[in-house]
Amino acid sequence: DISFYRERKLRLLNAVHTATAPLALLAGVRTVRDASAHPRL
């Protein structure tokens, strides 16, 4: 059963990407790496 791995990736990686994308784009931040170093994102 790989549901644990699916849920972990879907929520802890993909959900953060999806939730942050519109805000990062509005802030003019191009990459995930840049957002990681951004003082607010």
PDB file of all heavy atoms in Angstrom:
ATOM      1  N   ASP A   1       0.865  -1.186   0.000  1.00  0.00           N
ATOM      2  CA  ASP A   1       0.000   0.000   0.000  1.00  0.00           C
ATOM      3  C   ASP A   1       0.900   1.235   0.000  1.00  0.00           C
ATOM      4  O   ASP A   1       1.695   1.423   0.922  1.00  0.00           O
ATOM      5  CB  ASP A   1      -0.895  -0.015   1.243  1.00  0.00           C
ATOM      6  CG  ASP A   1      -1.840   1.163   1.315  1.00  0.00           C
ATOM      7  OD1 ASP A   1      -1.913   1.963   0.355  1.00  0.00           O
ATOM      8  OD2 ASP A   1      -2.509   1.301   2.353  1.00  0.00           O
ATOM      9  N   ILE A   2       0.795   2.066  -1.022  1.00  0.00           N
ATOM     10  CA  ILE A   2       1.640   3.265  -1.096  1.00  0.00           C
ATOM     11  C   ILE A   2       0.866   4.544  -0.766  1.00  0.00           C
ATOM     12  O   ILE A   2       1.340   5.648  -1.022  1.00  0.00           O
ATOM     13  CB  ILE A   2       2.336   3.394  -2.478  1.00  0.00           C
ATOM     14  CG1 ILE A   2       1.318   3.541  -3.606  1.00  0.00           C
ATOM     15  CG2 ILE A   2       3.301   2.235  -2.699  1.00  0.00           C
ATOM     16  CD1 ILE A   2       1.942   3.923  -4.950  1.00  0.00           C
ATOM     17  N   SER A   3      -0.306   4.407  -0.157  1.00  0.00           N
ATOM     18  CA  SER A   3      -1.125   5.594   0.126  1.00  0.00           C
ATOM     19  C   SER A   3      -0.403   6.584   1.045  1.00  0.00           C
ATOM     20  O   SER A   3      -0.574   7.799   0.901  1.00  0.00           O
ATOM     21  CB  SER A   3      -2.490   5.206   0.686  1.00  0.00           C
ATOM     22  OG  SER A   3      -2.351   4.444   1.865  1.00  0.00           O
ATOM     23  N   PHE A   4       0.407   6.100   1.987  1.00  0.00           N
ATOM     24  CA  PHE A   4       1.172   6.996   2.858  1.00  0.00           C
ATOM     25  C   PHE A   4       2.093   7.886   2.028  1.00  0.00           C
ATOM     26  O   PHE A   4       2.138   9.100   2.233  1.00  0.00           O
ATOM     27  CB  PHE A   4       1.999   6.180   3.860  1.00  0.00           C
ATOM     28  CG  PHE A   4       3.063   6.984   4.562  1.00  0.00           C
ATOM     29  CD1 PHE A   4       2.742   7.795   5.633  1.00  0.00           C
ATOM     30  CD2 PHE A   4       4.385   6.943   4.127  1.00  0.00           C
ATOM     31  CE1 PHE A   4       3.724   8.551   6.273  1.00  0.00           C
ATOM     32  CE2 PHE A   4       5.366   7.689   4.759  1.00  0.00           C
ATOM     33  CZ  PHE A   4       5.027   8.495   5.841  1.00  0.00           C
ATOM     34  N   TYR A   5       2.803   7.321   1.068  1.00  0.00           N
ATOM     35  CA  TYR A   5       3.749   8.080   0.235  1.00  0.00           C
ATOM     36  C   TYR A   5       3.019   9.054  -0.689  1.00  0.00           C
ATOM     37  O   TYR A   5       3.463  10.169  -0.917  1.00  0.00           O
ATOM     38  CB  TYR A   5       4.641   7.126  -0.566  1.00  0.00           C
ATOM     39  CG  TYR A   5       5.382   6.193   0.352  1.00  0.00           C
ATOM     40  CD1 TYR A   5       4.927   4.902   0.577  1.00  0.00           C
ATOM     41  CD2 TYR A   5       6.503   6.634   1.055  1.00  0.00           C
ATOM     42  CE1 TYR A   5       5.586   4.061   1.451  1.00  0.00           C
ATOM     43  CE2 TYR A   5       7.166   5.792   1.932  1.00  0.00           C
ATOM     44  CZ  TYR A   5       6.698   4.511   2.135  1.00  0.00           C
ATOM     45  OH  TYR A   5       7.342   3.689   3.016  1.00  0.00           O
ATOM     46  N   ARG A   6       1.865   8.611  -1.199  1.00  0.00           N
ATOM     47  CA  ARG A   6       1.047   9.473  -2.058  1.00  0.00           C
ATOM     48  C   ARG A   6       0.535  10.674  -1.260  1.00  0.00           C
ATOM     49  O   ARG A   6       0.641  11.820  -1.701  1.00  0.00           O
ATOM     50  CB  ARG A   6      -0.118   8.676  -2.642  1.00  0.00           C
ATOM     51  CG  ARG A   6      -0.980   9.483  -3.611  1.00  0.00           C
ATOM     52  CD  ARG A   6      -2.111   8.647  -4.209  1.00  0.00           C
ATOM     53  NE  ARG A   6      -1.583   7.574  -5.042  1.00  0.00           N
ATOM     54  CZ  ARG A   6      -1.698   6.266  -4.748  1.00  0.00           C
ATOM     55  NH1 ARG A   6      -2.306   5.874  -3.654  1.00  0.00           N
ATOM     56  NH2 ARG A   6      -1.205   5.360  -5.546  1.00  0.00           N
ATOM     57  N   GLU A   7      -0.012  10.411  -0.099  1.00  0.00           N
ATOM     58  CA  GLU A   7      -0.555  11.490   0.748  1.00  0.00           C
ATOM     59  C   GLU A   7       0.559  12.439   1.177  1.00  0.00           C
ATOM     60  O   GLU A   7       0.396  13.665   1.170  1.00  0.00           O
ATOM     61  CB  GLU A   7      -1.257  10.889   1.970  1.00  0.00           C
ATOM     62  CG  GLU A   7      -1.897  11.900   2.884  1.00  0.00           C
ATOM     63  CD  GLU A   7      -3.144  12.552   2.313  1.00  0.00           C
ATOM     64  OE1 GLU A   7      -3.613  12.154   1.229  1.00  0.00           O
ATOM     65  OE2 GLU A   7      -3.658  13.487   2.964  1.00  0.00           O
ATOM     66  N   ARG A   8       1.687  11.901   1.558  1.00  0.00           N
ATOM     67  CA  ARG A   8       2.817  12.724   1.994  1.00  0.00           C
ATOM     68  C   ARG A   8       3.269  13.672   0.890  1.00  0.00           C
ATOM     69  O   ARG A   8       3.440  14.867   1.107  1.00  0.00           O
ATOM     70  CB  ARG A   8       3.960  11.799   2.440  1.00  0.00           C
ATOM     71  CG  ARG A   8       5.159  12.523   3.000  1.00  0.00           C
ATOM     72  CD  ARG A   8       6.204  11.540   3.444  1.00  0.00           C
ATOM     73  NE  ARG A   8       6.894  10.959   2.290  1.00  0.00           N
ATOM     74  CZ  ARG A   8       7.960  10.185   2.380  1.00  0.00           C
ATOM     75  NH1 ARG A   8       8.455   9.869   3.577  1.00  0.00           N
ATOM     76  NH2 ARG A   8       8.531   9.698   1.309  1.00  0.00           N
ATOM     77  N   LYS A   9       3.439  13.150  -0.315  1.00  0.00           N
ATOM     78  CA  LYS A   9       3.861  13.995  -1.440  1.00  0.00           C
ATOM     79  C   LYS A   9       2.780  14.999  -1.816  1.00  0.00           C
ATOM     80  O   LYS A   9       3.051  16.184  -2.022  1.00  0.00           O
ATOM     81  CB  LYS A   9       4.222  13.134  -2.645  1.00  0.00           C
ATOM     82  CG  LYS A   9       4.623  13.958  -3.862  1.00  0.00           C
ATOM     83  CD  LYS A   9       4.907  13.066  -5.051  1.00  0.00           C
ATOM     84  CE  LYS A   9       5.406  13.865  -6.233  1.00  0.00           C
ATOM     85  NZ  LYS A   9       4.349  14.329  -7.106  1.00  0.00           N
ATOM     86  N   LEU A  10       1.543  14.531  -1.921  1.00  0.00           N
ATOM     87  CA  LEU A  10       0.430  15.379  -2.337  1.00  0.00           C
ATOM     88  C   LEU A  10       0.234  16.558  -1.391  1.00  0.00           C
ATOM     89  O   LEU A  10       0.022  17.688  -1.822  1.00  0.00           O
ATOM     90  CB  LEU A  10      -0.849  14.544  -2.407  1.00  0.00           C
ATOM     91  CG  LEU A  10      -2.085  15.237  -2.939  1.00  0.00           C
ATOM     92  CD1 LEU A  10      -1.934  15.565  -4.412  1.00  0.00           C
ATOM     93  CD2 LEU A  10      -3.297  14.324  -2.721  1.00  0.00           C
ATOM     94  N   ARG A  11       0.331  16.310  -0.098  1.00  0.00           N
ATOM     95  CA  ARG A  11       0.065  17.377   0.883  1.00  0.00           C
ATOM     96  C   ARG A  11       1.323  18.182   1.223  1.00  0.00           C
ATOM     97  O   ARG A  11       1.296  19.412   1.230  1.00  0.00           O
ATOM     98  CB  ARG A  11      -0.516  16.786   2.161  1.00  0.00           C
ATOM     99  CG  ARG A  11      -1.753  15.970   1.957  1.00  0.00           C
ATOM    100  CD  ARG A  11      -2.930  16.746   1.389  1.00  0.00           C
ATOM    101  NE  ARG A  11      -4.019  15.816   1.125  1.00  0.00           N
ATOM    102  CZ  ARG A  11      -4.795  15.866   0.080  1.00  0.00           C
ATOM    103  NH1 ARG A  11      -4.669  16.807  -0.811  1.00  0.00           N
ATOM    104  NH2 ARG A  11      -5.734  14.965  -0.094  1.00  0.00           N
ATOM    105  N   LEU A  12       2.427  17.497   1.528  1.00  0.00           N
ATOM    106  CA  LEU A  12       3.593  18.206   2.070  1.00  0.00           C
ATOM    107  C   LEU A  12       4.499  18.809   1.003  1.00  0.00           C
ATOM    108  O   LEU A  12       5.313  19.677   1.319  1.00  0.00           O
ATOM    109  CB  LEU A  12       4.400  17.283   2.977  1.00  0.00           C
ATOM    110  CG  LEU A  12       3.633  16.687   4.150  1.00  0.00           C
ATOM    111  CD1 LEU A  12       4.568  15.860   5.021  1.00  0.00           C
ATOM    112  CD2 LEU A  12       2.925  17.740   4.969  1.00  0.00           C
ATOM    113  N   LEU A  13       4.374  18.383  -0.232  1.00  0.00           N
ATOM    114  CA  LEU A  13       5.164  18.995  -1.301  1.00  0.00           C
ATOM    115  C   LEU A  13       4.231  19.717  -2.279  1.00  0.00           C
ATOM    116  O   LEU A  13       4.321  20.926  -2.452  1.00  0.00           O
ATOM    117  CB  LEU A  13       5.998  17.937  -2.036  1.00  0.00           C
ATOM    118  CG  LEU A  13       7.004  18.518  -3.032  1.00  0.00           C
ATOM    119  CD1 LEU A  13       8.295  17.715  -2.997  1.00  0.00           C
ATOM    120  CD2 LEU A  13       6.467  18.561  -4.428  1.00  0.00           C
ATOM    121  N   ASN A  14       3.300  18.987  -2.858  1.00  0.00           N
ATOM    122  CA  ASN A  14       2.448  19.582  -3.886  1.00  0.00           C
ATOM    123  C   ASN A  14       1.509  20.666  -3.347  1.00  0.00           C
ATOM    124  O   ASN A  14       1.301  21.682  -4.014  1.00  0.00           O
ATOM    125  CB  ASN A  14       1.628  18.504  -4.587  1.00  0.00           C
ATOM    126  CG  ASN A  14       2.462  17.483  -5.323  1.00  0.00           C
ATOM    127  OD1 ASN A  14       2.190  16.301  -5.247  1.00  0.00           O
ATOM    128  ND2 ASN A  14       3.488  17.923  -6.035  1.00  0.00           N
ATOM    129  N   ALA A  15       0.934  20.464  -2.177  1.00  0.00           N
ATOM    130  CA  ALA A  15       0.011  21.473  -1.644  1.00  0.00           C
ATOM    131  C   ALA A  15       0.736  22.782  -1.336  1.00  0.00           C
ATOM    132  O   ALA A  15       0.193  23.864  -1.571  1.00  0.00           O
ATOM    133  CB  ALA A  15      -0.700  20.958  -0.387  1.00  0.00           C
ATOM    134  N   VAL A  16       1.962  22.705  -0.846  1.00  0.00           N
ATOM    135  CA  VAL A  16       2.730  23.927  -0.573  1.00  0.00           C
ATOM    136  C   VAL A  16       3.026  24.650  -1.880  1.00  0.00           C
ATOM    137  O   VAL A  16       2.886  25.867  -1.970  1.00  0.00           O
ATOM    138  CB  VAL A  16       4.042  23.611   0.185  1.00  0.00           C
ATOM    139  CG1 VAL A  16       4.879  24.855   0.347  1.00  0.00           C
ATOM    140  CG2 VAL A  16       3.732  23.014   1.529  1.00  0.00           C
ATOM    141  N   HIS A  17       3.427  23.900  -2.899  1.00  0.00           N
ATOM    142  CA  HIS A  17       3.648  24.498  -4.217  1.00  0.00           C
ATOM    143  C   HIS A  17       2.386  25.210  -4.700  1.00  0.00           C
ATOM    144  O   HIS A  17       2.422  26.370  -5.112  1.00  0.00           O
ATOM    145  CB  HIS A  17       3.988  23.423  -5.248  1.00  0.00           C
ATOM    146  CG  HIS A  17       5.430  23.109  -5.369  1.00  0.00           C
ATOM    147  ND1 HIS A  17       5.863  21.895  -5.840  1.00  0.00           N
ATOM    148  CD2 HIS A  17       6.547  23.828  -5.129  1.00  0.00           C
ATOM    149  CE1 HIS A  17       7.179  21.887  -5.866  1.00  0.00           C
ATOM    150  NE2 HIS A  17       7.612  23.047  -5.440  1.00  0.00           N
ATOM    151  N   THR A  18       1.277  24.490  -4.671  1.00  0.00           N
ATOM    152  CA  THR A  18       0.023  25.019  -5.202  1.00  0.00           C
ATOM    153  C   THR A  18      -0.447  26.241  -4.421  1.00  0.00           C
ATOM    154  O   THR A  18      -0.911  27.218  -5.008  1.00  0.00           O
ATOM    155  CB  THR A  18      -1.045  23.919  -5.202  1.00  0.00           C
ATOM    156  OG1 THR A  18      -0.574  22.835  -6.017  1.00  0.00           O
ATOM    157  CG2 THR A  18      -2.367  24.417  -5.738  1.00  0.00           C
ATOM    158  N   ALA A  19      -0.323  26.206  -3.101  1.00  0.00           N
ATOM    159  CA  ALA A  19      -0.775  27.329  -2.280  1.00  0.00           C
ATOM    160  C   ALA A  19       0.131  28.549  -2.410  1.00  0.00           C
ATOM    161  O   ALA A  19      -0.327  29.683  -2.283  1.00  0.00           O
ATOM    162  CB  ALA A  19      -0.858  26.896  -0.816  1.00  0.00           C
ATOM    163  N   THR A  20       1.395  28.339  -2.686  1.00  0.00           N
ATOM    164  CA  THR A  20       2.343  29.453  -2.754  1.00  0.00           C
ATOM    165  C   THR A  20       2.428  30.065  -4.149  1.00  0.00           C
ATOM    166  O   THR A  20       2.743  31.248  -4.290  1.00  0.00           O
ATOM    167  CB  THR A  20       3.743  28.988  -2.300  1.00  0.00           C
ATOM    168  OG1 THR A  20       3.635  28.375  -1.010  1.00  0.00           O
ATOM    169  CG2 THR A  20       4.714  30.153  -2.192  1.00  0.00           C
ATOM    170  N   ALA A  21       2.147  29.297  -5.183  1.00  0.00           N
ATOM    171  CA  ALA A  21       2.341  29.762  -6.561  1.00  0.00           C
ATOM    172  C   ALA A  21       1.685  31.114  -6.864  1.00  0.00           C
ATOM    173  O   ALA A  21       2.362  32.015  -7.370  1.00  0.00           O
ATOM    174  CB  ALA A  21       1.880  28.696  -7.552  1.00  0.00           C
ATOM    175  N   PRO A  22       0.387  31.309  -6.578  1.00  0.00           N
ATOM    176  CA  PRO A  22      -0.203  32.607  -6.950  1.00  0.00           C
ATOM    177  C   PRO A  22       0.417  33.777  -6.188  1.00  0.00           C
ATOM    178  O   PRO A  22       0.593  34.861  -6.740  1.00  0.00           O
ATOM    179  CB  PRO A  22      -1.693  32.454  -6.628  1.00  0.00           C
ATOM    180  CG  PRO A  22      -1.804  31.245  -5.772  1.00  0.00           C
ATOM    181  CD  PRO A  22      -0.598  30.401  -6.012  1.00  0.00           C
ATOM    182  N   LEU A  23       0.771  33.544  -4.941  1.00  0.00           N
ATOM    183  CA  LEU A  23       1.363  34.618  -4.145  1.00  0.00           C
ATOM    184  C   LEU A  23       2.771  34.952  -4.630  1.00  0.00           C
ATOM    185  O   LEU A  23       3.154  36.122  -4.702  1.00  0.00           O
ATOM    186  CB  LEU A  23       1.374  34.223  -2.665  1.00  0.00           C
ATOM    187  CG  LEU A  23      -0.007  33.889  -2.089  1.00  0.00           C
ATOM    188  CD1 LEU A  23       0.129  33.331  -0.688  1.00  0.00           C
ATOM    189  CD2 LEU A  23      -0.916  35.082  -2.127  1.00  0.00           C
ATOM    190  N   ALA A  24       3.542  33.916  -4.968  1.00  0.00           N
ATOM    191  CA  ALA A  24       4.893  34.139  -5.486  1.00  0.00           C
ATOM    192  C   ALA A  24       4.840  34.886  -6.815  1.00  0.00           C
ATOM    193  O   ALA A  24       5.628  35.811  -7.050  1.00  0.00           O
ATOM    194  CB  ALA A  24       5.623  32.815  -5.639  1.00  0.00           C
ATOM    195  N   LEU A  25       3.914  34.510  -7.673  1.00  0.00           N
ATOM    196  CA  LEU A  25       3.786  35.192  -8.954  1.00  0.00           C
ATOM    197  C   LEU A  25       3.390  36.654  -8.758  1.00  0.00           C
ATOM    198  O   LEU A  25       3.932  37.542  -9.422  1.00  0.00           O
ATOM    199  CB  LEU A  25       2.780  34.460  -9.850  1.00  0.00           C
ATOM    200  CG  LEU A  25       3.250  33.107 -10.372  1.00  0.00           C
ATOM    201  CD1 LEU A  25       2.100  32.351 -11.029  1.00  0.00           C
ATOM    202  CD2 LEU A  25       4.413  33.263 -11.334  1.00  0.00           C
ATOM    203  N   LEU A  26       2.453  36.903  -7.848  1.00  0.00           N
ATOM    204  CA  LEU A  26       2.057  38.290  -7.556  1.00  0.00           C
ATOM    205  C   LEU A  26       3.227  39.099  -7.001  1.00  0.00           C
ATOM    206  O   LEU A  26       3.344  40.299  -7.255  1.00  0.00           O
ATOM    207  CB  LEU A  26       0.898  38.320  -6.560  1.00  0.00           C
ATOM    208  CG  LEU A  26      -0.469  37.956  -7.119  1.00  0.00           C
ATOM    209  CD1 LEU A  26      -1.479  37.793  -5.989  1.00  0.00           C
ATOM    210  CD2 LEU A  26      -0.941  38.999  -8.118  1.00  0.00           C
ATOM    211  N   ALA A  27       4.102  38.439  -6.249  1.00  0.00           N
ATOM    212  CA  ALA A  27       5.263  39.119  -5.664  1.00  0.00           C
ATOM    213  C   ALA A  27       6.413  39.264  -6.660  1.00  0.00           C
ATOM    214  O   ALA A  27       7.431  39.873  -6.347  1.00  0.00           O
ATOM    215  CB  ALA A  27       5.735  38.355  -4.423  1.00  0.00           C
ATOM    216  N   GLY A  28       6.264  38.686  -7.852  1.00  0.00           N
ATOM    217  CA  GLY A  28       7.322  38.777  -8.862  1.00  0.00           C
ATOM    218  C   GLY A  28       8.500  37.861  -8.596  1.00  0.00           C
ATOM    219  O   GLY A  28       9.598  38.094  -9.085  1.00  0.00           O
ATOM    220  N   VAL A  29       8.278  36.796  -7.829  1.00  0.00           N
ATOM    221  CA  VAL A  29       9.338  35.836  -7.511  1.00  0.00           C
ATOM    222  C   VAL A  29       9.256  34.707  -8.536  1.00  0.00           C
ATOM    223  O   VAL A  29       8.222  34.063  -8.678  1.00  0.00           O
ATOM    224  CB  VAL A  29       9.175  35.310  -6.061  1.00  0.00           C
ATOM    225  CG1 VAL A  29      10.194  34.240  -5.762  1.00  0.00           C
ATOM    226  CG2 VAL A  29       9.279  36.464  -5.083  1.00  0.00           C
ATOM    227  N   ARG A  30      10.346  34.455  -9.257  1.00  0.00           N
ATOM    228  CA  ARG A  30      10.338  33.532 -10.393  1.00  0.00           C
ATOM    229  C   ARG A  30      10.416  32.063 -10.011  1.00  0.00           C
ATOM    230  O   ARG A  30       9.730  31.225 -10.594  1.00  0.00           O
ATOM    231  CB  ARG A  30      11.491  33.882 -11.346  1.00  0.00           C
ATOM    232  CG  ARG A  30      11.446  33.117 -12.656  1.00  0.00           C
ATOM    233  CD  ARG A  30      12.537  33.555 -13.615  1.00  0.00           C
ATOM    234  NE  ARG A  30      13.864  33.133 -13.207  1.00  0.00           N
ATOM    235  CZ  ARG A  30      14.383  31.933 -13.428  1.00  0.00           C
ATOM    236  NH1 ARG A  30      13.684  31.014 -14.050  1.00  0.00           N
ATOM    237  NH2 ARG A  30      15.596  31.642 -13.026  1.00  0.00           N
ATOM    238  N   THR A  31      11.269  31.701  -9.036  1.00  0.00           N
ATOM    239  CA  THR A  31      11.497  30.280  -8.752  1.00  0.00           C
ATOM    240  C   THR A  31      11.181  29.931  -7.304  1.00  0.00           C
ATOM    241  O   THR A  31      11.150  30.793  -6.425  1.00  0.00           O
ATOM    242  CB  THR A  31      12.962  29.874  -9.033  1.00  0.00           C
ATOM    243  OG1 THR A  31      13.813  30.527  -8.095  1.00  0.00           O
ATOM    244  CG2 THR A  31      13.380  30.206 -10.456  1.00  0.00           C
ATOM    245  N   VAL A  32      11.005  28.640  -7.086  1.00  0.00           N
ATOM    246  CA  VAL A  32      10.790  28.127  -5.732  1.00  0.00           C
ATOM    247  C   VAL A  32      12.016  28.430  -4.863  1.00  0.00           C
ATOM    248  O   VAL A  32      11.880  28.832  -3.709  1.00  0.00           O
ATOM    249  CB  VAL A  32      10.486  26.613  -5.769  1.00  0.00           C
ATOM    250  CG1 VAL A  32      10.384  26.040  -4.364  1.00  0.00           C
ATOM    251  CG2 VAL A  32       9.212  26.351  -6.553  1.00  0.00           C
ATOM    252  N   ARG A  33      13.189  28.264  -5.434  1.00  0.00           N
ATOM    253  CA  ARG A  33      14.419  28.569  -4.697  1.00  0.00           C
ATOM    254  C   ARG A  33      14.422  30.021  -4.228  1.00  0.00           C
ATOM    255  O   ARG A  33      14.730  30.317  -3.078  1.00  0.00           O
ATOM    256  CB  ARG A  33      15.641  28.287  -5.575  1.00  0.00           C
ATOM    257  CG  ARG A  33      16.959  28.642  -4.905  1.00  0.00           C
ATOM    258  CD  ARG A  33      18.157  28.557  -5.850  1.00  0.00           C
ATOM    259  NE  ARG A  33      18.018  29.469  -6.962  1.00  0.00           N
ATOM    260  CZ  ARG A  33      17.875  29.118  -8.242  1.00  0.00           C
ATOM    261  NH1 ARG A  33      17.866  27.845  -8.584  1.00  0.00           N
ATOM    262  NH2 ARG A  33      17.750  30.011  -9.184  1.00  0.00           N
ATOM    263  N   ASP A  34      14.052  30.948  -5.127  1.00  0.00           N
ATOM    264  CA  ASP A  34      14.000  32.362  -4.765  1.00  0.00           C
ATOM    265  C   ASP A  34      12.964  32.611  -3.671  1.00  0.00           C
ATOM    266  O   ASP A  34      13.184  33.423  -2.773  1.00  0.00           O
ATOM    267  CB  ASP A  34      13.690  33.231  -5.984  1.00  0.00           C
ATOM    268  CG  ASP A  34      14.789  33.197  -7.044  1.00  0.00           C
ATOM    269  OD1 ASP A  34      15.941  32.826  -6.703  1.00  0.00           O
ATOM    270  OD2 ASP A  34      14.490  33.523  -8.208  1.00  0.00           O
ATOM    271  N   ALA A  35      11.847  31.906  -3.741  1.00  0.00           N
ATOM    272  CA  ALA A  35      10.815  32.060  -2.704  1.00  0.00           C
ATOM    273  C   ALA A  35      11.318  31.542  -1.359  1.00  0.00           C
ATOM    274  O   ALA A  35      11.003  32.107  -0.311  1.00  0.00           O
ATOM    275  CB  ALA A  35       9.538  31.327  -3.107  1.00  0.00           C
ATOM    276  N   SER A  36      12.100  30.475  -1.388  1.00  0.00           N
ATOM    277  CA  SER A  36      12.652  29.922  -0.145  1.00  0.00           C
ATOM    278  C   SER A  36      13.511  30.942   0.585  1.00  0.00           C
ATOM    279  O   SER A  36      13.533  30.975   1.816  1.00  0.00           O
ATOM    280  CB  SER A  36      13.498  28.680  -0.437  1.00  0.00           C
ATOM    281  OG  SER A  36      12.701  27.653  -0.948  1.00  0.00           O
ATOM    282  N   ALA A  37      14.217  31.786  -0.179  1.00  0.00           N
ATOM    283  CA  ALA A  37      15.103  32.793   0.415  1.00  0.00           C
ATOM    284  C   ALA A  37      14.402  34.137   0.624  1.00  0.00           C
ATOM    285  O   ALA A  37      14.966  35.036   1.241  1.00  0.00           O
ATOM    286  CB  ALA A  37      16.324  32.993  -0.489  1.00  0.00           C
ATOM    287  N   HIS A  38      13.184  34.257   0.137  1.00  0.00           N
ATOM    288  CA  HIS A  38      12.433  35.515   0.237  1.00  0.00           C
ATOM    289  C   HIS A  38      12.048  35.780   1.698  1.00  0.00           C
ATOM    290  O   HIS A  38      11.636  34.859   2.411  1.00  0.00           O
ATOM    291  CB  HIS A  38      11.182  35.433  -0.647  1.00  0.00           C
ATOM    292  CG  HIS A  38      10.465  36.713  -0.824  1.00  0.00           C
ATOM    293  ND1 HIS A  38       9.534  37.154   0.073  1.00  0.00           N
ATOM    294  CD2 HIS A  38      10.543  37.645  -1.812  1.00  0.00           C
ATOM    295  CE1 HIS A  38       9.047  38.313  -0.353  1.00  0.00           C
ATOM    296  NE2 HIS A  38       9.646  38.640  -1.492  1.00  0.00           N
ATOM    297  N   PRO A  39      12.151  37.030   2.161  1.00  0.00           N
ATOM    298  CA  PRO A  39      11.871  37.323   3.581  1.00  0.00           C
ATOM    299  C   PRO A  39      10.429  37.052   4.012  1.00  0.00           C
ATOM    300  O   PRO A  39      10.179  36.811   5.196  1.00  0.00           O
ATOM    301  CB  PRO A  39      12.213  38.808   3.721  1.00  0.00           C
ATOM    302  CG  PRO A  39      12.242  39.359   2.341  1.00  0.00           C
ATOM    303  CD  PRO A  39      12.573  38.215   1.424  1.00  0.00           C
ATOM    304  N   ARG A  40       9.483  37.050   3.086  1.00  0.00           N
ATOM    305  CA  ARG A  40       8.092  36.761   3.461  1.00  0.00           C
ATOM    306  C   ARG A  40       7.626  35.388   2.983  1.00  0.00           C
ATOM    307  O   ARG A  40       6.950  34.676   3.705  1.00  0.00           O
ATOM    308  CB  ARG A  40       7.170  37.852   2.927  1.00  0.00           C
ATOM    309  CG  ARG A  40       7.398  39.172   3.627  1.00  0.00           C
ATOM    310  CD  ARG A  40       6.149  39.988   3.674  1.00  0.00           C
ATOM    311  NE  ARG A  40       6.366  41.164   4.513  1.00  0.00           N
ATOM    312  CZ  ARG A  40       6.104  42.381   4.150  1.00  0.00           C
ATOM    313  NH1 ARG A  40       5.588  42.608   2.966  1.00  0.00           N
ATOM    314  NH2 ARG A  40       6.321  43.381   4.973  1.00  0.00           N
ATOM    315  N   LEU A  41       7.981  35.043   1.741  1.00  0.00           N
ATOM    316  CA  LEU A  41       7.503  33.773   1.195  1.00  0.00           C
ATOM    317  C   LEU A  41       8.173  32.567   1.842  1.00  0.00           C
ATOM    318  O   LEU A  41       7.518  31.536   2.047  1.00  0.00           O
ATOM    319  CB  LEU A  41       7.700  33.736  -0.321  1.00  0.00           C
ATOM    320  CG  LEU A  41       6.788  34.656  -1.123  1.00  0.00           C
ATOM    321  CD1 LEU A  41       7.205  34.692  -2.587  1.00  0.00           C
ATOM    322  CD2 LEU A  41       5.338  34.230  -0.992  1.00  0.00           C
TER     323      LEU A  41
END
